[in-house]
Amino acid sequence: MYGDTSVIRALARDLREQAADIRTEADRLVGQADAVHWKGLAADAMRHRTRERAAALRRSAGLHEDAADALDHHAHEVDRLKDLIAAIERKVHGLIEGARDRLADLGHGLVDGLRKVLPDAGDQLLDRFVPPPPGNKAWLDVDVPGLGR
């Protein structure tokens, strides 16, 4: 899932350039074969074989294009998941900060040595929550109160 999407997209671009080069080479080979002035069965066989090889080269170029499309799709998915991870991180950190603020406020609400209110169980859970490292795909599995996914 991870990867530098600019590098992934550059690989896709390189594959497309290679596909264009392969097609150009296929066209060049056919052109050279057609330009041969000899006649006869051997000449016809050579031209036929050259066209077959050129068709195989064009199929290879098509596969390069398919691979480039797959890389572009992968880069898009990586960016989408990185954005989703960042959004979950921001929301969870906001929930944790809010819970810790509410818990700290409870400490200031003492009356005659007793707490005015009991701490919220969700706030206590958020206070104890240990978040995954920033950008880690484990954020996609985080389930804490208030996340609402």
Protein backbone atom coordinates (compact mmCIF):
# COMPACT_ATOMS: atom_id res chain seq x y z
CA MET A 1 0.00 0.00 0.00
CA TYR A 2 2.82 2.37 0.78
CA GLY A 3 5.01 4.07 -1.71
CA ASP A 4 6.10 7.39 -3.04
CA THR A 5 3.36 8.11 -5.55
CA SER A 6 5.58 10.46 -7.55
CA VAL A 7 7.99 7.54 -8.09
CA ILE A 8 5.11 5.20 -8.95
CA ARG A 9 3.73 7.71 -11.47
CA ALA A 10 7.22 8.19 -12.95
CA LEU A 11 7.45 4.42 -13.48
CA ALA A 12 4.07 4.51 -15.23
CA ARG A 13 5.27 7.37 -17.44
CA ASP A 14 8.47 5.42 -18.26
CA LEU A 15 6.41 2.37 -19.22
CA ARG A 16 4.27 4.48 -21.56
CA GLU A 17 7.42 5.90 -23.16
CA GLN A 18 8.78 2.38 -23.59
CA ALA A 19 5.49 1.33 -25.18
CA ALA A 20 5.78 4.19 -27.67
CA ASP A 21 9.40 3.25 -28.40
CA ILE A 22 8.43 -0.39 -28.97
CA ARG A 23 5.65 0.62 -31.38
CA THR A 24 8.05 2.90 -33.24
CA GLU A 25 10.56 0.05 -33.51
CA ALA A 26 7.84 -2.31 -34.80
CA ASP A 27 6.87 0.22 -37.46
CA ARG A 28 10.54 0.71 -38.40
CA LEU A 29 11.11 -3.03 -38.78
CA VAL A 30 8.07 -3.44 -41.04
CA GLY A 31 9.16 -0.43 -43.07
CA GLN A 32 12.64 -1.86 -43.54
CA ALA A 33 11.27 -5.25 -44.54
CA ASP A 34 8.90 -3.67 -47.04
CA ALA A 35 11.76 -1.62 -48.50
CA VAL A 36 13.79 -4.71 -49.40
CA HIS A 37 13.85 -5.02 -53.18
CA TRP A 38 14.18 -8.75 -53.53
CA LYS A 39 11.35 -10.88 -54.72
CA GLY A 40 10.40 -14.48 -54.31
CA LEU A 41 9.43 -16.95 -51.62
CA ALA A 42 12.30 -16.04 -49.27
CA ALA A 43 11.48 -12.33 -49.48
CA ASP A 44 7.80 -13.01 -48.86
CA ALA A 45 8.64 -15.26 -45.89
CA MET A 46 10.93 -12.60 -44.43
CA ARG A 47 8.23 -9.92 -44.75
CA HIS A 48 5.62 -12.24 -43.25
CA ARG A 49 7.91 -13.11 -40.32
CA THR A 50 8.74 -9.43 -39.78
CA ARG A 51 5.02 -8.56 -39.62
CA GLU A 52 4.48 -11.36 -37.08
CA ARG A 53 7.33 -10.04 -34.93
CA ALA A 54 6.01 -6.48 -35.26
CA ALA A 55 2.58 -7.67 -34.10
CA ALA A 56 4.23 -9.34 -31.09
CA LEU A 57 6.08 -6.11 -30.33
CA ARG A 58 2.81 -4.16 -30.50
CA ARG A 59 1.21 -6.65 -28.09
CA SER A 60 4.16 -6.11 -25.77
CA ALA A 61 3.64 -2.34 -26.05
CA GLY A 62 0.00 -2.85 -25.11
CA LEU A 63 1.07 -4.80 -22.02
CA HIS A 64 3.39 -1.93 -21.10
CA GLU A 65 0.37 0.40 -21.32
CA ASP A 66 -1.68 -1.97 -19.14
CA ALA A 67 1.09 -2.04 -16.53
CA ALA A 68 1.31 1.76 -16.61
CA ASP A 69 -2.46 2.00 -16.06
CA ALA A 70 -2.19 -0.41 -13.11
CA LEU A 71 0.62 1.66 -11.59
CA ASP A 72 -1.42 4.85 -11.98
CA HIS A 73 -4.38 3.15 -10.31
CA HIS A 74 -2.13 1.95 -7.48
CA ALA A 75 -0.72 5.46 -7.00
CA HIS A 76 -4.25 6.85 -6.82
CA GLU A 77 -5.22 4.25 -4.19
CA VAL A 78 -2.07 4.92 -2.16
CA ASP A 79 -2.86 8.66 -2.14
CA ARG A 80 -6.49 7.97 -1.21
CA LEU A 81 -5.51 5.71 1.69
CA LYS A 82 -2.82 8.11 2.90
CA ASP A 83 -5.45 10.88 2.94
CA LEU A 84 -7.88 8.61 4.80
CA ILE A 85 -5.21 7.69 7.35
CA ALA A 86 -4.38 11.37 7.90
CA ALA A 87 -8.08 12.22 8.39
CA ILE A 88 -8.52 9.40 10.92
CA GLU A 89 -5.35 10.49 12.74
CA ARG A 90 -6.59 14.09 12.99
CA LYS A 91 -10.02 13.05 14.24
CA VAL A 92 -8.68 10.58 16.83
CA HIS A 93 -6.09 13.07 18.11
CA GLY A 94 -8.89 15.65 18.44
CA LEU A 95 -11.04 13.15 20.34
CA ILE A 96 -8.13 12.30 22.64
CA GLU A 97 -7.37 15.96 23.29
CA GLY A 98 -11.03 16.68 24.05
CA ALA A 99 -11.27 13.70 26.41
CA ARG A 100 -8.12 14.73 28.24
CA ASP A 101 -9.42 18.29 28.59
CA ARG A 102 -12.71 17.00 30.02
CA LEU A 103 -10.86 14.69 32.42
CA ALA A 104 -8.62 17.56 33.53
CA ASP A 105 -11.69 19.74 34.12
CA LEU A 106 -13.09 17.03 36.42
CA GLY A 107 -10.03 17.43 38.61
CA HIS A 108 -10.92 21.11 39.04
CA GLY A 109 -14.52 20.31 39.93
CA LEU A 110 -13.99 19.09 43.47
CA VAL A 111 -16.58 19.96 46.09
CA ASP A 112 -15.90 18.94 49.68
CA GLY A 113 -13.30 16.45 48.47
CA LEU A 114 -15.77 14.60 46.21
CA ARG A 115 -15.96 14.80 42.45
CA LYS A 116 -19.09 16.52 41.18
CA VAL A 117 -19.34 14.08 38.30
CA LEU A 118 -17.86 10.76 37.33
CA PRO A 119 -15.52 10.65 34.36
CA ASP A 120 -17.01 9.40 31.11
CA ALA A 121 -15.91 5.84 30.23
CA GLY A 122 -15.27 6.90 26.64
CA ASP A 123 -13.05 9.74 27.80
CA GLN A 124 -11.11 7.33 30.00
CA LEU A 125 -10.66 4.95 27.07
CA LEU A 126 -9.47 7.79 24.84
CA ASP A 127 -7.07 8.94 27.55
CA ARG A 128 -5.47 5.48 27.65
CA PHE A 129 -5.48 4.98 23.87
CA VAL A 130 -2.02 4.51 22.37
CA PRO A 131 -2.19 5.65 18.75
CA PRO A 132 -0.29 3.93 15.95
CA PRO A 133 2.68 5.76 14.44
CA PRO A 134 1.79 8.66 12.11
CA GLY A 135 0.86 7.47 8.62
CA ASN A 136 0.75 3.80 9.62
CA LYS A 137 -1.94 1.70 7.93
CA ALA A 138 -3.02 0.51 11.41
CA TRP A 139 -4.99 3.79 11.56
CA LEU A 140 -7.47 2.20 9.16
CA ASP A 141 -8.39 -0.31 11.91
CA VAL A 142 -8.63 2.16 14.81
CA ASP A 143 -11.99 2.06 16.59
CA VAL A 144 -12.46 4.56 19.39
CA PRO A 145 -15.59 6.24 20.79
CA GLY A 146 -16.66 9.23 18.72
CA LEU A 147 -14.82 8.25 15.54
CA GLY A 148 -18.11 7.45 13.83
CA ARG A 149 -17.00 5.51 10.78
